[in-house]
Amino acid sequence: MGDAVWAQVRSSAGRVLERPVSALRRERLEDHEPVWTPERYRGRRAIATWWRVTDQARHAGCATLGALDAAVSLEFDPQVVAFAAWPVRLGWAGSEAGYVPDFFVRLDDGQARLVCRPGGGISSGWAATLELLEAAGRQAGWQVRVHEGAEDAVLAQNRQRLSRWRHARLADANTARVLHQVFARPRSFAAGVKASGLPELPTVAKGLHLIWSRGLLIDWTQPFVPARSLVWSPKEAC
């Protein structure tokens, strides 16, 4: 096994290309199509889900519920501007074995990051997979993160639930202005929507988007219940 890591990626024409991972340092892999998808077999009808990336036409595949949790976590991270599923396969030079990280991520400072779940990998085990990932990160200038899952189950449930209102089409400056005034002091979400005097159904959706995007604040470590959970505006918005 050589020290160099090689990568397979898919070209814009759909062909699989192989090159040293160091040659991908400036490549925007978040714009590439998957180089791999999970195999279907008897007893496995489909992957866990195709996740619609916020405000993009493309979807990111999540092969397991753990990968789905990682996708939601990436959506919630304000540093993440884009990510794609399975755009690169990594392997040591001269080796037939390989590993496909769950996600390739682009951060707001231009840095790239590989994100994967622990435990999977090439035949020699997770420790060897992690060694491969770290070598690829050094050679391509990528960060490497292992998604261990949410440190708090309630936080994960809140993120999963509120992610339904993550899309920017729900952003509305006029609604935000009214809700910032309404929630200048903490009150339950349902009471604030009612006090706003705005149409209830669209205001609920736009208000939940504000919570997701941190335009309105909640205690994420407590289960979010609209009729009971306190919501308040950031000081700078009041």
Protein backbone atom coordinates (compact mmCIF):
# COMPACT_ATOMS: atom_id res chain seq x y z
CA MET A 1 0.00 0.00 0.00
CA GLY A 2 1.46 3.33 -1.06
CA ASP A 3 1.33 6.56 0.90
CA ALA A 4 -0.57 8.41 -1.84
CA VAL A 5 -4.37 8.46 -1.77
CA TRP A 6 -6.21 8.21 -5.08
CA ALA A 7 -9.76 9.35 -5.71
CA GLN A 8 -12.52 8.49 -8.12
CA VAL A 9 -14.91 11.29 -9.09
CA ARG A 10 -17.56 11.69 -11.74
CA SER A 11 -16.99 14.18 -14.57
CA SER A 12 -19.63 16.59 -15.84
CA ALA A 13 -20.22 14.09 -18.67
CA GLY A 14 -20.91 11.33 -16.17
CA ARG A 15 -17.65 9.39 -16.59
CA VAL A 16 -15.77 8.09 -13.56
CA LEU A 17 -12.26 9.58 -13.46
CA GLU A 18 -9.38 8.50 -11.25
CA ARG A 19 -6.63 10.83 -10.07
CA PRO A 20 -4.45 11.58 -7.03
CA VAL A 21 -6.55 13.14 -4.30
CA SER A 22 -4.04 16.01 -4.13
CA ALA A 23 -5.22 17.06 -7.61
CA LEU A 24 -8.69 17.73 -6.18
CA ARG A 25 -7.57 20.42 -3.76
CA ARG A 26 -9.45 23.14 -5.68
CA GLU A 27 -12.25 20.92 -7.01
CA ARG A 28 -15.80 21.83 -6.00
CA LEU A 29 -16.93 18.29 -5.32
CA GLU A 30 -20.13 19.60 -3.73
CA ASP A 31 -21.28 20.20 -7.33
CA HIS A 32 -20.47 16.65 -8.54
CA GLU A 33 -22.86 13.76 -8.99
CA PRO A 34 -22.43 10.66 -6.78
CA VAL A 35 -19.68 8.25 -7.73
CA TRP A 36 -21.51 5.51 -5.80
CA THR A 37 -24.99 4.66 -4.56
CA PRO A 38 -26.02 1.91 -2.12
CA GLU A 39 -26.79 -1.47 -3.66
CA ARG A 40 -30.32 -2.72 -3.35
CA TYR A 41 -30.75 -6.32 -2.29
CA ARG A 42 -33.42 -8.66 -1.04
CA GLY A 43 -34.82 -7.26 2.18
CA ARG A 44 -33.55 -3.74 1.47
CA ARG A 45 -36.05 -1.91 -0.68
CA ALA A 46 -34.34 1.50 -0.70
CA ILE A 47 -31.90 3.73 1.09
CA ALA A 48 -33.06 5.66 4.16
CA THR A 49 -33.99 8.79 2.22
CA TRP A 50 -33.05 11.33 -0.39
CA TRP A 51 -32.57 14.58 1.49
CA ARG A 52 -33.52 17.81 -0.32
CA VAL A 53 -30.64 20.21 0.30
CA THR A 54 -31.88 23.67 1.27
CA ASP A 55 -32.65 25.92 -1.70
CA GLN A 56 -31.02 23.55 -4.19
CA ALA A 57 -32.65 21.39 -6.84
CA ARG A 58 -30.41 18.43 -6.03
CA HIS A 59 -30.88 15.81 -3.37
CA ALA A 60 -28.30 14.19 -1.10
CA GLY A 61 -28.61 10.47 -0.51
CA CYS A 62 -28.60 9.16 3.05
CA ALA A 63 -27.95 5.42 3.22
CA THR A 64 -28.81 5.11 6.91
CA LEU A 65 -30.67 6.99 9.62
CA GLY A 66 -27.27 7.99 10.99
CA ALA A 67 -26.44 9.66 7.69
CA LEU A 68 -29.82 11.40 7.74
CA ASP A 69 -29.01 12.80 11.19
CA ALA A 70 -25.69 14.02 9.80
CA ALA A 71 -27.48 15.74 6.89
CA VAL A 72 -29.84 17.55 9.26
CA SER A 73 -26.85 18.58 11.38
CA LEU A 74 -25.11 20.00 8.30
CA GLU A 75 -28.23 21.95 7.34
CA PHE A 76 -28.39 23.42 10.84
CA ASP A 77 -24.71 24.45 10.92
CA PRO A 78 -24.44 28.14 9.90
CA GLN A 79 -20.88 27.55 8.65
CA VAL A 80 -22.05 25.05 6.00
CA VAL A 81 -23.01 26.60 2.65
CA ALA A 82 -23.31 23.43 0.52
CA PHE A 83 -22.84 19.68 0.67
CA ALA A 84 -23.24 16.63 -1.55
CA ALA A 85 -23.49 12.90 -0.91
CA TRP A 86 -20.95 10.36 -2.19
CA PRO A 87 -19.10 12.50 -4.79
CA VAL A 88 -15.71 10.83 -4.16
CA ARG A 89 -14.31 7.35 -3.56
CA LEU A 90 -10.96 7.18 -1.78
CA GLY A 91 -8.34 4.44 -1.80
CA TRP A 92 -4.63 3.88 -1.35
CA ALA A 93 -2.52 3.82 -4.51
CA GLY A 94 -2.30 0.26 -5.78
CA SER A 95 -5.16 -1.01 -3.61
CA GLU A 96 -8.48 -2.37 -4.84
CA ALA A 97 -10.25 -1.44 -1.61
CA GLY A 98 -11.93 1.92 -1.25
CA TYR A 99 -14.20 4.03 0.90
CA VAL A 100 -16.90 6.59 0.03
CA PRO A 101 -17.46 9.29 2.70
CA ASP A 102 -21.09 10.18 3.31
CA PHE A 103 -20.76 13.88 2.49
CA PHE A 104 -18.43 16.42 0.96
CA VAL A 105 -19.06 19.81 2.57
CA ARG A 106 -18.21 23.40 1.66
CA LEU A 107 -17.89 25.92 4.49
CA ASP A 108 -18.49 29.66 4.40
CA ASP A 109 -14.74 30.36 4.57
CA GLY A 110 -14.11 28.23 1.46
CA GLN A 111 -12.70 25.24 3.34
CA ALA A 112 -13.81 21.74 2.36
CA ARG A 113 -14.72 18.97 4.76
CA LEU A 114 -15.35 15.23 4.53
CA VAL A 115 -18.10 14.00 6.85
CA CYS A 116 -18.71 10.34 7.57
CA ARG A 117 -20.28 8.11 10.18
CA PRO A 118 -18.08 5.86 12.32
CA GLY A 119 -17.83 2.14 11.96
CA GLY A 120 -18.07 1.60 8.20
CA GLY A 121 -15.16 1.28 5.84
CA ILE A 122 -12.72 -0.89 3.97
CA SER A 123 -12.14 -4.53 4.86
CA SER A 124 -9.32 -3.97 7.37
CA GLY A 125 -11.64 -2.06 9.69
CA TRP A 126 -12.58 1.37 10.86
CA ALA A 127 -9.11 2.28 12.13
CA ALA A 128 -7.71 1.74 8.63
CA THR A 129 -10.58 3.74 7.13
CA LEU A 130 -9.88 6.64 9.46
CA GLU A 131 -6.20 6.51 8.52
CA LEU A 132 -7.21 6.71 4.85
CA LEU A 133 -9.52 9.66 5.48
CA GLU A 134 -6.90 11.57 7.44
CA ALA A 135 -4.27 10.98 4.75
CA ALA A 136 -6.72 12.18 2.08
CA GLY A 137 -7.45 15.26 4.17
CA ARG A 138 -3.76 16.12 4.47
CA GLN A 139 -3.07 15.60 0.77
CA ALA A 140 -6.14 17.49 -0.50
CA GLY A 141 -6.33 20.15 2.21
CA TRP A 142 -9.70 18.90 3.45
CA GLN A 143 -10.98 18.77 6.99
CA VAL A 144 -12.24 15.40 8.22
CA ARG A 145 -15.13 15.03 10.65
CA VAL A 146 -16.69 11.86 12.01
CA HIS A 147 -20.37 12.38 12.83
CA GLU A 148 -20.96 10.50 16.07
CA GLY A 149 -24.61 11.55 16.29
CA ALA A 150 -26.28 14.32 18.26
CA GLU A 151 -24.93 14.73 21.77
CA ASP A 152 -28.48 15.37 22.94
CA ALA A 153 -31.49 13.35 21.77
CA VAL A 154 -33.92 16.22 22.33
CA LEU A 155 -31.75 18.57 20.27
CA ALA A 156 -31.73 16.02 17.44
CA GLN A 157 -35.52 15.66 17.59
CA ASN A 158 -36.02 19.42 17.53
CA ARG A 159 -33.67 19.81 14.57
CA GLN A 160 -35.39 17.00 12.68
CA ARG A 161 -38.84 18.46 13.29
CA LEU A 162 -37.99 22.08 12.52
CA SER A 163 -35.92 21.20 9.45
CA ARG A 164 -39.20 20.99 7.53
CA TRP A 165 -39.25 24.80 7.63
CA ARG A 166 -35.59 25.31 6.64
CA HIS A 167 -36.10 26.61 3.10
CA ALA A 168 -35.44 30.28 2.38
CA ARG A 169 -38.72 30.64 0.47
CA LEU A 170 -40.34 31.00 3.90
CA ALA A 171 -38.24 34.04 4.78
CA ASP A 172 -40.35 37.19 4.93
CA ALA A 173 -38.95 40.50 6.17
CA ASN A 174 -42.33 42.00 7.12
CA THR A 175 -43.37 38.95 9.13
CA ALA A 176 -39.96 38.84 10.80
CA ARG A 177 -40.26 42.51 11.82
CA VAL A 178 -43.65 41.91 13.46
CA LEU A 179 -42.57 38.71 15.20
CA HIS A 180 -39.41 40.32 16.54
CA GLN A 181 -41.62 42.91 18.22
CA VAL A 182 -44.08 40.29 19.48
CA PHE A 183 -41.31 38.16 20.97
CA ALA A 184 -39.37 41.07 22.47
CA ARG A 185 -40.27 39.35 25.72
CA PRO A 186 -40.42 35.54 25.96
CA ARG A 187 -43.80 33.95 25.34
CA SER A 188 -45.04 30.71 23.87
CA PHE A 189 -44.85 30.38 20.11
CA ALA A 190 -48.60 29.85 19.73
CA ALA A 191 -49.42 32.88 21.88
CA GLY A 192 -47.00 35.06 19.93
CA VAL A 193 -48.44 34.06 16.56
CA LYS A 194 -51.94 34.84 17.85
CA ALA A 195 -50.82 38.21 19.26
CA SER A 196 -49.16 39.20 15.97
CA GLY A 197 -52.50 39.78 14.25
CA LEU A 198 -51.10 38.13 11.10
CA PRO A 199 -52.78 35.27 9.21
CA GLU A 200 -52.18 32.19 11.35
CA LEU A 201 -51.09 29.43 8.94
CA PRO A 202 -48.50 31.37 6.89
CA THR A 203 -47.24 33.07 10.04
CA VAL A 204 -46.67 29.71 11.75
CA ALA A 205 -44.57 28.52 8.80
CA LYS A 206 -42.58 31.76 8.60
CA GLY A 207 -42.12 31.84 12.35
CA LEU A 208 -40.81 28.27 12.44
CA HIS A 209 -38.38 29.20 9.68
CA LEU A 210 -37.15 32.07 11.86
CA ILE A 211 -36.58 29.63 14.72
CA TRP A 212 -34.68 27.25 12.43
CA SER A 213 -32.48 30.09 11.14
CA ARG A 214 -32.00 31.52 14.66
CA GLY A 215 -33.90 34.71 13.86
CA LEU A 216 -36.02 33.72 16.86
CA LEU A 217 -34.52 31.84 19.80
CA ILE A 218 -35.65 28.79 21.77
CA ASP A 219 -34.08 26.41 24.25
CA TRP A 220 -33.02 23.65 21.86
CA THR A 221 -32.33 21.24 24.71
CA GLN A 222 -36.03 21.16 25.66
CA PRO A 223 -38.75 19.57 23.49
CA PHE A 224 -40.30 22.26 21.30
CA VAL A 225 -44.06 22.44 21.87
CA PRO A 226 -45.65 25.48 20.16
CA ALA A 227 -48.32 25.93 22.82
CA ARG A 228 -45.84 25.86 25.71
CA SER A 229 -42.25 26.46 24.59
CA LEU A 230 -40.92 29.96 25.14
CA VAL A 231 -39.65 31.91 22.15
CA TRP A 232 -37.80 35.21 22.22
CA SER A 233 -36.05 37.64 19.88
CA PRO A 234 -32.28 38.18 19.87
CA LYS A 235 -31.38 41.46 21.54
CA GLU A 236 -30.08 42.91 18.29
CA ALA A 237 -33.45 42.30 16.60
CA CYS A 238 -35.56 44.03 19.24
